């Protein structure tokens, strides 16, 4: 399946960004999906190559291509290390919008009843204290960062 002209225009909007990639590979070690799979198509360089081939008409949309593109976390770790200044985020947004196109997801637009709030959630004791459990207070942070006096004697000084 190839992309319709409106979807191709979304990708063509990122054409110069795609061409900026110099294929140096510095992005690969910063990409979590590439590090886990060691598959070129799961890294930024491979994803850009797939996007370019799709935009140029050399590839059609396949389930494999969609899987590789959807596996991107869009964490922008690759953008931070790219010497050519490639920005992966706008390319991924454009590609995902193009792949989505006019196709509707199963269940999209179906009317679902809004669940009523559970009464026990409002009156449950301690519900307002959840934030205190997960976020450290200033006193706890100070206690962790302050060195213990009994361990100071093990430090060596340079003379």
Protein backbone atom coordinates (compact mmCIF):
# COMPACT_ATOMS: atom_id res chain seq x y z
CA UNK A 1 0.00 0.00 0.00
CA UNK A 2 1.39 3.39 -0.92
CA UNK A 3 0.57 6.66 0.76
CA UNK A 4 -2.03 9.00 -0.65
CA UNK A 5 -0.85 12.45 -1.87
CA UNK A 6 -2.02 14.30 1.30
CA UNK A 7 -0.06 11.87 3.48
CA UNK A 8 3.01 12.14 1.23
CA UNK A 9 2.89 15.92 1.63
CA UNK A 10 3.27 15.47 5.39
CA UNK A 11 6.49 13.54 4.82
CA UNK A 12 7.73 15.94 2.13
CA UNK A 13 7.51 18.69 4.73
CA UNK A 14 10.39 16.95 6.55
CA UNK A 15 12.39 16.23 3.37
CA UNK A 16 15.26 18.63 4.17
CA UNK A 17 15.45 17.22 7.69
CA UNK A 18 15.76 13.70 6.22
CA UNK A 19 18.47 14.85 3.82
CA UNK A 20 20.45 16.36 6.72
CA UNK A 21 21.34 12.87 7.97
CA UNK A 22 24.98 12.15 7.06
CA UNK A 23 24.66 8.49 8.14
CA UNK A 24 27.57 8.72 10.58
CA UNK A 25 25.97 6.38 13.13
CA UNK A 26 26.62 8.48 16.23
CA UNK A 27 22.92 8.28 17.02
CA UNK A 28 22.87 4.48 17.22
CA UNK A 29 24.36 4.05 20.67
CA UNK A 30 22.02 6.64 22.15
CA UNK A 31 18.87 4.96 20.75
CA UNK A 32 17.29 2.60 23.30
CA UNK A 33 15.50 0.48 20.69
CA UNK A 34 18.67 0.02 18.63
CA UNK A 35 20.72 -0.85 21.71
CA UNK A 36 18.20 -3.56 22.64
CA UNK A 37 17.72 -5.04 19.17
CA UNK A 38 20.99 -4.17 17.35
CA UNK A 39 18.81 -3.97 14.22
CA UNK A 40 19.60 -1.09 11.86
CA UNK A 41 15.90 -0.54 11.09
CA UNK A 42 15.30 0.01 14.82
CA UNK A 43 17.80 2.87 14.98
CA UNK A 44 17.43 6.49 13.87
CA UNK A 45 19.65 6.03 10.81
CA UNK A 46 17.53 3.09 9.62
CA UNK A 47 14.27 4.85 10.36
CA UNK A 48 15.36 7.88 8.36
CA UNK A 49 16.35 5.61 5.47
CA UNK A 50 12.91 3.96 5.60
CA UNK A 51 11.19 7.36 5.65
CA UNK A 52 13.25 8.60 2.70
CA UNK A 53 12.54 5.46 0.68
CA UNK A 54 8.84 5.78 1.47
CA UNK A 55 8.82 9.46 0.50
CA UNK A 56 10.74 8.78 -2.73
CA UNK A 57 8.38 5.95 -3.67
CA UNK A 58 10.94 3.14 -3.37
CA UNK A 59 9.00 1.46 -0.55
CA UNK A 60 5.37 0.88 0.18
CA UNK A 61 3.76 0.76 3.59
CA UNK A 62 4.14 -2.73 5.03
CA UNK A 63 3.43 -4.07 8.52
CA UNK A 64 7.20 -4.45 9.03
CA UNK A 65 7.84 -0.79 8.17
CA UNK A 66 5.03 0.35 10.45
CA UNK A 67 6.38 -1.78 13.30
CA UNK A 68 9.89 -0.33 13.01
CA UNK A 69 8.55 3.21 12.90
CA UNK A 70 6.11 2.72 15.78
CA UNK A 71 8.86 1.25 17.98
CA UNK A 72 10.57 4.64 18.11
CA UNK A 73 10.12 6.14 21.57
CA UNK A 74 10.57 9.68 20.21
CA UNK A 75 12.84 10.31 23.19
CA UNK A 76 15.10 12.61 21.12
CA UNK A 77 18.28 11.03 22.49
CA UNK A 78 19.48 10.76 18.88
CA UNK A 79 18.79 14.43 18.24
CA UNK A 80 20.98 15.39 21.20
CA UNK A 81 24.06 13.63 19.78
CA UNK A 82 23.55 14.27 16.05
CA UNK A 83 26.43 16.31 14.60
CA UNK A 84 24.34 17.21 11.52
CA UNK A 85 21.44 18.61 13.55
CA UNK A 86 18.80 16.11 12.42
CA UNK A 87 15.61 16.43 14.46
CA UNK A 88 13.89 13.06 14.74
CA UNK A 89 10.80 14.29 16.59
CA UNK A 90 9.16 16.22 13.71
CA UNK A 91 9.94 13.41 11.27
CA UNK A 92 8.30 10.83 13.51
CA UNK A 93 5.26 13.04 14.06
CA UNK A 94 4.87 13.57 10.30
CA UNK A 95 5.30 9.88 9.54
CA UNK A 96 2.86 8.76 12.20
CA UNK A 97 0.31 11.28 10.99
CA UNK A 98 0.84 10.08 7.41
CA UNK A 99 0.47 6.43 8.40
CA UNK A 100 -2.62 7.22 10.41
CA UNK A 101 -4.12 9.10 7.46
CA UNK A 102 -7.84 8.76 7.25
CA UNK A 103 -7.81 5.24 8.64
CA UNK A 104 -9.68 5.00 11.88
CA UNK A 105 -8.55 2.84 14.72
CA UNK A 106 -10.87 0.07 15.82
CA UNK A 107 -13.31 1.50 18.29
CA UNK A 108 -12.45 5.11 17.50
CA UNK A 109 -15.49 7.30 17.70
CA UNK A 110 -17.57 4.65 19.38
CA UNK A 111 -19.63 6.12 22.13
CA UNK A 112 -18.63 4.74 25.46
CA UNK A 113 -20.34 5.61 28.68
CA UNK A 114 -18.26 7.72 31.02
CA UNK A 115 -17.63 5.79 34.20
CA UNK A 116 -18.98 7.35 37.35
CA UNK A 117 -16.38 8.20 39.98
CA UNK A 118 -16.08 5.60 42.66
CA UNK A 119 -17.29 6.92 45.99
CA UNK A 120 -14.53 5.13 47.91
CA UNK A 121 -11.87 6.97 45.88
CA UNK A 122 -13.06 10.31 47.25
CA UNK A 123 -13.35 9.21 50.85
CA UNK A 124 -10.46 6.78 51.03
CA UNK A 125 -8.18 7.71 53.92
CA UNK A 126 -4.70 8.74 52.88
CA UNK A 127 -5.63 9.44 49.24
CA UNK A 128 -4.16 12.93 49.48
CA UNK A 129 -0.89 11.61 50.90
CA UNK A 130 0.15 9.61 47.85
CA UNK A 131 2.36 12.44 46.65
CA UNK A 132 4.30 12.44 49.90
CA UNK A 133 5.13 8.76 49.53
CA UNK A 134 6.63 9.07 46.05
CA UNK A 135 8.25 12.50 46.19
CA UNK A 136 11.06 12.98 48.71
CA UNK A 137 10.73 15.85 51.11
CA UNK A 138 13.50 18.40 51.57
CA UNK A 139 14.49 16.78 54.88
CA UNK A 140 14.82 13.34 53.30
CA UNK A 141 16.88 14.73 50.41
CA UNK A 142 19.20 16.51 52.85
CA UNK A 143 19.64 13.33 54.85
CA UNK A 144 20.62 11.37 51.76
CA UNK A 145 23.06 13.98 50.46
CA UNK A 146 24.75 14.76 53.78
CA UNK A 147 27.82 12.56 54.40
CA UNK A 148 27.75 10.54 57.56
CA UNK A 149 30.39 11.63 60.13
CA UNK A 150 31.44 8.05 60.86
CA UNK A 151 32.54 7.65 57.22
CA UNK A 152 34.54 10.86 56.96
CA UNK A 153 37.62 9.31 58.56
CA UNK A 154 38.08 6.97 55.55
CA UNK A 155 38.66 9.84 53.14
CA UNK A 156 42.16 10.51 51.99
CA UNK A 157 43.50 13.95 51.24
CA UNK A 158 46.13 14.91 48.73
CA UNK A 159 49.06 16.81 50.22
